[in-house]
C-alpha cells in the first residue's frame, strides 16, 4: 500500500463494493490489514460483508487468509471459512487450495474427496473443479491423476472467458510437474510462461507471482529454470 495505506484500504474497499467477485481485491485487502496489524478491523469489515450478503463467499475467503496467519489459532482453523466460501459460492475456486490444506492440517491426515464433500460440493463438469481435485491429488502424491484432471480442465476452460482460472490451472500443472519423480523442466517452463502471458494480457504483471506462491510453483513466474546439460564425455 506504499506510504498511504489508508488510501489504499479505501480504494480496495471501493473496488470490492463495485466488483464483489474480484478475489484479488479481497486477498490484497486481507493481507494489508494483517501487515498493518489491523487484524480486528479487517475481520470486522469482512464479517460485515459476509453478514450483509449471504452469497458473498469471498468475504469468508478473506477471513480464511487472515485466520491462516494467526498463530494463536489451532492449525487448520481457517477451514470453516473456506468451506463457507464454497457453500455460498461453489465456483469460488480461490478457496479450493485453502480448504484442502486447512482440512488436512486440522485432521492430521491426508484429505479425501469423501471428507470434503461432507462440507461443500463441487461440479466436476466445470473446469474450476480441476483445481480442487488437482490440488487434492498433489497433497496425496497422486501426481499423474493431478496432471490428468488439471490438463483436462485446461482444455475445458478454453474460450470460457475465465483468464485467471486458466492461469491458475497452468500454475497448478507446473506445480504438479515439479512434484513428479521425473522433473519435467520444459513442461514447467511452458506452463509458467503461459500463466505469465495471461496476466500480462490482463495488465497485471504481478499476478503470476501471487499465483506461483499460492500453488507452490517451483520458481517465481518469469524466472527461467536452470536446465541441466549432460556433461561432456571425453573421447
C-alpha atoms as a PDB file:
ATOM      1  CA  UNK A   1       0.000   0.000   0.000  1.00  0.00           C
ATOM      2  CA  UNK A   2       3.056   2.270  -0.068  1.00  0.00           C
ATOM      3  CA  UNK A   3       3.172   5.359   2.130  1.00  0.00           C
ATOM      4  CA  UNK A   4      -0.599   5.908   2.180  1.00  0.00           C
ATOM      5  CA  UNK A   5      -2.107   2.666   3.490  1.00  0.00           C
ATOM      6  CA  UNK A   6      -5.434   4.235   4.472  1.00  0.00           C
ATOM      7  CA  UNK A   7      -5.975   5.460   0.931  1.00  0.00           C
ATOM      8  CA  UNK A   8      -5.095   2.005  -0.334  1.00  0.00           C
ATOM      9  CA  UNK A   9      -7.550   0.354   2.039  1.00  0.00           C
ATOM     10  CA  UNK A  10     -10.316   2.742   0.979  1.00  0.00           C
ATOM     11  CA  UNK A  11      -9.507   2.076  -2.685  1.00  0.00           C
ATOM     12  CA  UNK A  12      -9.699  -1.704  -2.222  1.00  0.00           C
ATOM     13  CA  UNK A  13     -12.966  -1.417  -0.310  1.00  0.00           C
ATOM     14  CA  UNK A  14     -14.346   0.628  -3.178  1.00  0.00           C
ATOM     15  CA  UNK A  15     -13.248  -1.989  -5.706  1.00  0.00           C
ATOM     16  CA  UNK A  16     -14.937  -4.731  -3.665  1.00  0.00           C
ATOM     17  CA  UNK A  17     -18.129  -2.678  -3.428  1.00  0.00           C
ATOM     18  CA  UNK A  18     -18.239  -2.358  -7.225  1.00  0.00           C
ATOM     19  CA  UNK A  19     -16.856  -5.790  -8.156  1.00  0.00           C
ATOM     20  CA  UNK A  20     -17.704  -8.233  -5.400  1.00  0.00           C
ATOM     21  CA  UNK A  21     -16.314 -11.224  -7.315  1.00  0.00           C
ATOM     22  CA  UNK A  22     -12.808  -9.776  -7.796  1.00  0.00           C
ATOM     23  CA  UNK A  23     -10.945 -12.148  -5.496  1.00  0.00           C
ATOM     24  CA  UNK A  24      -7.586 -10.407  -5.818  1.00  0.00           C
ATOM     25  CA  UNK A  25      -9.000  -7.302  -4.096  1.00  0.00           C
ATOM     26  CA  UNK A  26     -10.069  -9.433  -1.123  1.00  0.00           C
ATOM     27  CA  UNK A  27      -6.639 -11.087  -0.929  1.00  0.00           C
ATOM     28  CA  UNK A  28      -4.776  -7.797  -1.096  1.00  0.00           C
ATOM     29  CA  UNK A  29      -7.030  -6.114   1.449  1.00  0.00           C
ATOM     30  CA  UNK A  30      -6.822  -9.026   3.897  1.00  0.00           C
ATOM     31  CA  UNK A  31      -3.023  -9.025   3.696  1.00  0.00           C
ATOM     32  CA  UNK A  32      -2.931  -5.239   4.039  1.00  0.00           C
ATOM     33  CA  UNK A  33      -4.948  -5.373   7.246  1.00  0.00           C
ATOM     34  CA  UNK A  34      -2.668  -8.121   8.514  1.00  0.00           C
ATOM     35  CA  UNK A  35       0.571  -6.347   7.613  1.00  0.00           C
ATOM     36  CA  UNK A  36      -0.694  -3.108   9.180  1.00  0.00           C
ATOM     37  CA  UNK A  37      -1.589  -5.001  12.392  1.00  0.00           C
ATOM     38  CA  UNK A  38      -5.233  -4.012  11.947  1.00  0.00           C
ATOM     39  CA  UNK A  39      -6.489  -7.570  12.328  1.00  0.00           C
ATOM     40  CA  UNK A  40      -9.661  -6.871  14.302  1.00  0.00           C
ATOM     41  CA  UNK A  41     -10.597  -4.042  11.960  1.00  0.00           C
ATOM     42  CA  UNK A  42     -10.125  -6.288   8.941  1.00  0.00           C
ATOM     43  CA  UNK A  43     -12.084  -9.152  10.453  1.00  0.00           C
ATOM     44  CA  UNK A  44     -14.923  -6.811  11.364  1.00  0.00           C
ATOM     45  CA  UNK A  45     -15.046  -5.474   7.801  1.00  0.00           C
ATOM     46  CA  UNK A  46     -15.132  -8.894   6.147  1.00  0.00           C
ATOM     47  CA  UNK A  47     -17.638 -10.259   8.661  1.00  0.00           C
ATOM     48  CA  UNK A  48     -19.934  -7.338   7.910  1.00  0.00           C
ATOM     49  CA  UNK A  49     -19.663  -8.128   4.199  1.00  0.00           C
ATOM     50  CA  UNK A  50     -20.479 -11.779   4.822  1.00  0.00           C
ATOM     51  CA  UNK A  51     -23.457 -10.892   7.011  1.00  0.00           C
ATOM     52  CA  UNK A  52     -24.882  -8.307   4.628  1.00  0.00           C
ATOM     53  CA  UNK A  53     -24.627 -10.528   1.552  1.00  0.00           C
ATOM     54  CA  UNK A  54     -25.174 -14.255   2.188  1.00  0.00           C
ATOM     55  CA  UNK A  55     -23.992 -15.041  -1.349  1.00  0.00           C
ATOM     56  CA  UNK A  56     -20.590 -13.412  -0.859  1.00  0.00           C
ATOM     57  CA  UNK A  57     -18.241 -16.339  -0.324  1.00  0.00           C
ATOM     58  CA  UNK A  58     -15.118 -14.272  -0.945  1.00  0.00           C
ATOM     59  CA  UNK A  59     -15.621 -12.400   2.329  1.00  0.00           C
ATOM     60  CA  UNK A  60     -15.131 -15.796   4.010  1.00  0.00           C
ATOM     61  CA  UNK A  61     -12.109 -16.329   1.765  1.00  0.00           C
ATOM     62  CA  UNK A  62     -10.516 -13.171   3.150  1.00  0.00           C
ATOM     63  CA  UNK A  63     -11.290 -14.264   6.715  1.00  0.00           C
ATOM     64  CA  UNK A  64      -9.649 -17.597   5.927  1.00  0.00           C
ATOM     65  CA  UNK A  65      -6.500 -15.834   4.726  1.00  0.00           C
ATOM     66  CA  UNK A  66      -6.294 -13.846   7.942  1.00  0.00           C
ATOM     67  CA  UNK A  67      -7.020 -16.867  10.132  1.00  0.00           C
ATOM     68  CA  UNK A  68      -4.271 -18.868   8.409  1.00  0.00           C
ATOM     69  CA  UNK A  69      -1.730 -16.292   9.535  1.00  0.00           C
ATOM     70  CA  UNK A  70      -2.918 -16.146  13.133  1.00  0.00           C
ATOM     71  CA  UNK A  71      -0.545 -18.365  15.103  1.00  0.00           C
ATOM     72  CA  UNK A  72      -2.857 -18.179  18.116  1.00  0.00           C
ATOM     73  CA  UNK A  73      -5.466 -20.208  16.203  1.00  0.00           C
ATOM     74  CA  UNK A  74      -5.337 -24.012  16.012  1.00  0.00           C
ATOM     75  CA  UNK A  75      -3.848 -25.487  12.864  1.00  0.00           C
ATOM     76  CA  UNK A  76      -6.470 -25.766  10.164  1.00  0.00           C
ATOM     77  CA  UNK A  77      -8.958 -23.451  11.841  1.00  0.00           C
ATOM     78  CA  UNK A  78      -9.286 -21.488   8.598  1.00  0.00           C
ATOM     79  CA  UNK A  79     -11.118 -24.456   7.058  1.00  0.00           C
ATOM     80  CA  UNK A  80     -14.526 -23.313   8.281  1.00  0.00           C
ATOM     81  CA  UNK A  81     -14.100 -20.035   6.408  1.00  0.00           C
ATOM     82  CA  UNK A  82     -13.006 -21.702   3.173  1.00  0.00           C
ATOM     83  CA  UNK A  83     -15.830 -24.234   3.476  1.00  0.00           C
ATOM     84  CA  UNK A  84     -18.381 -21.443   3.975  1.00  0.00           C
ATOM     85  CA  UNK A  85     -16.876 -19.653   0.990  1.00  0.00           C
ATOM     86  CA  UNK A  86     -17.601 -22.705  -1.165  1.00  0.00           C
ATOM     87  CA  UNK A  87     -21.025 -23.294   0.351  1.00  0.00           C
ATOM     88  CA  UNK A  88     -22.001 -19.753  -0.645  1.00  0.00           C
ATOM     89  CA  UNK A  89     -20.151 -19.686  -3.970  1.00  0.00           C
ATOM     90  CA  UNK A  90     -19.455 -23.230  -5.215  1.00  0.00           C
ATOM     91  CA  UNK A  91     -17.423 -21.872  -8.125  1.00  0.00           C
ATOM     92  CA  UNK A  92     -15.145 -19.686  -5.978  1.00  0.00           C
ATOM     93  CA  UNK A  93     -12.001 -21.528  -6.985  1.00  0.00           C
ATOM     94  CA  UNK A  94      -9.560 -19.371  -4.965  1.00  0.00           C
ATOM     95  CA  UNK A  95     -10.947 -21.116  -1.853  1.00  0.00           C
ATOM     96  CA  UNK A  96     -10.105 -24.633  -3.043  1.00  0.00           C
ATOM     97  CA  UNK A  97      -6.472 -24.932  -2.044  1.00  0.00           C
ATOM     98  CA  UNK A  98      -7.031 -23.301   1.328  1.00  0.00           C
ATOM     99  CA  UNK A  99      -9.863 -25.722   2.064  1.00  0.00           C
ATOM    100  CA  UNK A 100      -7.768 -28.781   1.219  1.00  0.00           C
ATOM    101  CA  UNK A 101      -4.704 -27.606   3.153  1.00  0.00           C
ATOM    102  CA  UNK A 102      -6.659 -26.488   6.201  1.00  0.00           C
ATOM    103  CA  UNK A 103      -8.681 -29.700   6.387  1.00  0.00           C
ATOM    104  CA  UNK A 104      -5.551 -31.811   6.197  1.00  0.00           C
ATOM    105  CA  UNK A 105      -3.878 -29.638   8.841  1.00  0.00           C
ATOM    106  CA  UNK A 106      -6.777 -29.834  11.274  1.00  0.00           C
ATOM    107  CA  UNK A 107      -7.243 -33.587  10.884  1.00  0.00           C
ATOM    108  CA  UNK A 108      -3.551 -34.501  10.693  1.00  0.00           C
ATOM    109  CA  UNK A 109      -4.239 -36.796   7.796  1.00  0.00           C
ATOM    110  CA  UNK A 110      -4.451 -36.901   4.035  1.00  0.00           C
ATOM    111  CA  UNK A 111      -7.798 -35.494   2.979  1.00  0.00           C
ATOM    112  CA  UNK A 112     -10.045 -37.318   0.525  1.00  0.00           C
ATOM    113  CA  UNK A 113     -12.966 -36.390  -1.681  1.00  0.00           C
ATOM    114  CA  UNK A 114     -15.482 -38.082   0.629  1.00  0.00           C
ATOM    115  CA  UNK A 115     -14.387 -35.961   3.602  1.00  0.00           C
ATOM    116  CA  UNK A 116     -14.528 -32.719   1.638  1.00  0.00           C
ATOM    117  CA  UNK A 117     -17.989 -33.442   0.233  1.00  0.00           C
ATOM    118  CA  UNK A 118     -19.340 -33.505   3.785  1.00  0.00           C
ATOM    119  CA  UNK A 119     -18.581 -29.768   3.981  1.00  0.00           C
ATOM    120  CA  UNK A 120     -19.138 -28.500   0.435  1.00  0.00           C
ATOM    121  CA  UNK A 121     -19.889 -29.774  -3.041  1.00  0.00           C
ATOM    122  CA  UNK A 122     -18.480 -29.132  -6.498  1.00  0.00           C
ATOM    123  CA  UNK A 123     -19.468 -29.758 -10.085  1.00  0.00           C
ATOM    124  CA  UNK A 124     -16.904 -31.933 -11.824  1.00  0.00           C
ATOM    125  CA  UNK A 125     -18.222 -30.838 -15.222  1.00  0.00           C
ATOM    126  CA  UNK A 126     -16.901 -27.318 -14.532  1.00  0.00           C
ATOM    127  CA  UNK A 127     -13.251 -26.513 -15.244  1.00  0.00           C
ATOM    128  CA  UNK A 128     -12.652 -24.986 -11.812  1.00  0.00           C
ATOM    129  CA  UNK A 129     -13.143 -28.424 -10.259  1.00  0.00           C
ATOM    130  CA  UNK A 130      -9.825 -29.352 -11.878  1.00  0.00           C
ATOM    131  CA  UNK A 131      -8.082 -27.018  -9.437  1.00  0.00           C
ATOM    132  CA  UNK A 132      -9.727 -28.604  -6.423  1.00  0.00           C
ATOM    133  CA  UNK A 133      -9.108 -32.194  -7.464  1.00  0.00           C
ATOM    134  CA  UNK A 134      -5.664 -31.361  -8.812  1.00  0.00           C
ATOM    135  CA  UNK A 135      -4.533 -29.882  -5.511  1.00  0.00           C
ATOM    136  CA  UNK A 136      -6.166 -32.724  -3.613  1.00  0.00           C
ATOM    137  CA  UNK A 137      -4.243 -35.285  -5.658  1.00  0.00           C
ATOM    138  CA  UNK A 138      -0.994 -33.330  -5.282  1.00  0.00           C
ATOM    139  CA  UNK A 139      -1.313 -33.480  -1.496  1.00  0.00           C
ATOM    140  CA  UNK A 140      -1.880 -37.225  -1.813  1.00  0.00           C
ATOM    141  CA  UNK A 141       1.183 -37.529  -4.072  1.00  0.00           C
ATOM    142  CA  UNK A 142      -1.038 -38.802  -6.897  1.00  0.00           C
ATOM    143  CA  UNK A 143       0.790 -36.679  -9.433  1.00  0.00           C
ATOM    144  CA  UNK A 144      -0.366 -38.462 -12.584  1.00  0.00           C
ATOM    145  CA  UNK A 145      -4.005 -38.033 -11.569  1.00  0.00           C
ATOM    146  CA  UNK A 146      -3.409 -34.380 -10.676  1.00  0.00           C
ATOM    147  CA  UNK A 147      -1.957 -33.741 -14.115  1.00  0.00           C
ATOM    148  CA  UNK A 148      -4.817 -35.589 -15.777  1.00  0.00           C
ATOM    149  CA  UNK A 149      -7.601 -33.573 -14.143  1.00  0.00           C
ATOM    150  CA  UNK A 150      -5.881 -30.204 -14.485  1.00  0.00           C
ATOM    151  CA  UNK A 151      -4.882 -30.709 -18.111  1.00  0.00           C
ATOM    152  CA  UNK A 152      -8.456 -31.768 -18.892  1.00  0.00           C
ATOM    153  CA  UNK A 153      -9.715 -28.649 -17.092  1.00  0.00           C
ATOM    154  CA  UNK A 154      -7.356 -26.510 -19.161  1.00  0.00           C
ATOM    155  CA  UNK A 155      -8.967 -27.863 -22.305  1.00  0.00           C
ATOM    156  CA  UNK A 156     -12.457 -27.103 -20.971  1.00  0.00           C
ATOM    157  CA  UNK A 157     -11.612 -23.574 -19.849  1.00  0.00           C
ATOM    158  CA  UNK A 158     -10.530 -22.510 -23.324  1.00  0.00           C
ATOM    159  CA  UNK A 159     -12.946 -19.955 -24.712  1.00  0.00           C
ATOM    160  CA  UNK A 160     -14.881 -19.517 -21.454  1.00  0.00           C
ATOM    161  CA  UNK A 161     -13.518 -16.027 -20.772  1.00  0.00           C
ATOM    162  CA  UNK A 162     -12.018 -17.048 -17.429  1.00  0.00           C
ATOM    163  CA  UNK A 163      -8.388 -15.998 -17.915  1.00  0.00           C
ATOM    164  CA  UNK A 164      -7.391 -16.035 -14.236  1.00  0.00           C
ATOM    165  CA  UNK A 165      -8.759 -19.544 -13.837  1.00  0.00           C
ATOM    166  CA  UNK A 166      -6.820 -20.589 -16.930  1.00  0.00           C
ATOM    167  CA  UNK A 167      -3.655 -19.044 -15.469  1.00  0.00           C
ATOM    168  CA  UNK A 168      -4.233 -20.793 -12.133  1.00  0.00           C
ATOM    169  CA  UNK A 169      -4.569 -24.126 -13.929  1.00  0.00           C
ATOM    170  CA  UNK A 170      -1.295 -23.518 -15.778  1.00  0.00           C
ATOM    171  CA  UNK A 171       0.397 -22.829 -12.449  1.00  0.00           C
ATOM    172  CA  UNK A 172      -1.196 -25.934 -10.969  1.00  0.00           C
ATOM    173  CA  UNK A 173       0.133 -28.106 -13.780  1.00  0.00           C
ATOM    174  CA  UNK A 174       3.596 -26.565 -13.295  1.00  0.00           C
ATOM    175  CA  UNK A 175       3.395 -27.333  -9.579  1.00  0.00           C
ATOM    176  CA  UNK A 176       2.355 -30.919 -10.247  1.00  0.00           C
ATOM    177  CA  UNK A 177       5.228 -31.437 -12.675  1.00  0.00           C
ATOM    178  CA  UNK A 178       7.643 -30.091 -10.051  1.00  0.00           C
ATOM    179  CA  UNK A 179       6.474 -32.807  -7.673  1.00  0.00           C
ATOM    180  CA  UNK A 180       6.846 -35.626 -10.171  1.00  0.00           C
ATOM    181  CA  UNK A 181       9.621 -38.174  -9.921  1.00  0.00           C
ATOM    182  CA  UNK A 182      10.754 -37.204 -13.415  1.00  0.00           C
ATOM    183  CA  UNK A 183      11.133 -33.425 -13.101  1.00  0.00           C
ATOM    184  CA  UNK A 184       9.766 -32.073 -16.398  1.00  0.00           C
ATOM    185  CA  UNK A 185      11.651 -28.794 -16.766  1.00  0.00           C
ATOM    186  CA  UNK A 186      10.332 -27.937 -20.232  1.00  0.00           C
ATOM    187  CA  UNK A 187       6.711 -28.564 -19.237  1.00  0.00           C
ATOM    188  CA  UNK A 188       7.124 -26.453 -16.097  1.00  0.00           C
ATOM    189  CA  UNK A 189       8.586 -23.586 -18.077  1.00  0.00           C
ATOM    190  CA  UNK A 190       5.861 -23.837 -20.722  1.00  0.00           C
ATOM    191  CA  UNK A 191       3.052 -23.545 -18.183  1.00  0.00           C
ATOM    192  CA  UNK A 192       4.737 -20.799 -16.142  1.00  0.00           C
ATOM    193  CA  UNK A 193       5.196 -18.763 -19.300  1.00  0.00           C
ATOM    194  CA  UNK A 194       1.590 -19.377 -20.332  1.00  0.00           C
ATOM    195  CA  UNK A 195       0.363 -18.085 -16.961  1.00  0.00           C
ATOM    196  CA  UNK A 196       2.661 -15.059 -17.154  1.00  0.00           C
ATOM    197  CA  UNK A 197       1.391 -14.289 -20.667  1.00  0.00           C
ATOM    198  CA  UNK A 198      -2.224 -14.340 -19.478  1.00  0.00           C
ATOM    199  CA  UNK A 199      -1.505 -11.927 -16.635  1.00  0.00           C
ATOM    200  CA  UNK A 200       0.413  -9.629 -18.976  1.00  0.00           C
ATOM    201  CA  UNK A 201      -2.591  -9.510 -21.296  1.00  0.00           C
ATOM    202  CA  UNK A 202      -4.717  -8.632 -18.277  1.00  0.00           C
ATOM    203  CA  UNK A 203      -2.357  -5.772 -17.480  1.00  0.00           C
ATOM    204  CA  UNK A 204      -1.377  -7.422 -14.189  1.00  0.00           C
ATOM    205  CA  UNK A 205       2.370  -8.166 -14.283  1.00  0.00           C
ATOM    206  CA  UNK A 206       2.427  -9.015 -10.552  1.00  0.00           C
ATOM    207  CA  UNK A 207      -0.362 -11.562 -10.865  1.00  0.00           C
ATOM    208  CA  UNK A 208       1.856 -14.562 -11.639  1.00  0.00           C
ATOM    209  CA  UNK A 209       3.943 -14.078  -8.503  1.00  0.00           C
ATOM    210  CA  UNK A 210       0.940 -14.436  -6.217  1.00  0.00           C
ATOM    211  CA  UNK A 211      -0.272 -17.402  -8.189  1.00  0.00           C
ATOM    212  CA  UNK A 212       3.095 -19.135  -8.069  1.00  0.00           C
ATOM    213  CA  UNK A 213       3.305 -18.671  -4.319  1.00  0.00           C
ATOM    214  CA  UNK A 214      -0.228 -19.931  -3.824  1.00  0.00           C
ATOM    215  CA  UNK A 215       0.385 -23.022  -5.917  1.00  0.00           C
ATOM    216  CA  UNK A 216       3.899 -23.651  -4.568  1.00  0.00           C
ATOM    217  CA  UNK A 217       5.194 -23.489  -8.100  1.00  0.00           C
ATOM    218  CA  UNK A 218       8.875 -24.420  -8.340  1.00  0.00           C
ATOM    219  CA  UNK A 219      10.100 -20.888  -9.056  1.00  0.00           C
ATOM    220  CA  UNK A 220       8.764 -17.352  -9.461  1.00  0.00           C
ATOM    221  CA  UNK A 221       6.907 -16.848 -12.734  1.00  0.00           C
ATOM    222  CA  UNK A 222       9.067 -15.314 -15.370  1.00  0.00           C
ATOM    223  CA  UNK A 223      12.246 -16.856 -13.973  1.00  0.00           C
ATOM    224  CA  UNK A 224      13.736 -19.360 -16.343  1.00  0.00           C
ATOM    225  CA  UNK A 225      14.546 -22.682 -14.690  1.00  0.00           C
ATOM    226  CA  UNK A 226      18.072 -23.944 -14.985  1.00  0.00           C
ATOM    227  CA  UNK A 227      18.236 -26.791 -17.448  1.00  0.00           C
ATOM    228  CA  UNK A 228      20.948 -29.223 -16.525  1.00  0.00           C
ATOM    229  CA  UNK A 229      23.012 -30.136 -19.519  1.00  0.00           C
ATOM    230  CA  UNK A 230      24.599 -33.511 -19.859  1.00  0.00           C
ATOM    231  CA  UNK A 231      28.303 -33.341 -19.053  1.00  0.00           C
ATOM    232  CA  UNK A 232      30.596 -33.787 -21.972  1.00  0.00           C
ATOM    233  CA  UNK A 233      32.285 -37.117 -22.084  1.00  0.00           C
ATOM    234  CA  UNK A 234      35.882 -37.480 -23.066  1.00  0.00           C
ATOM    235  CA  UNK A 235      36.645 -39.311 -26.241  1.00  0.00           C
END
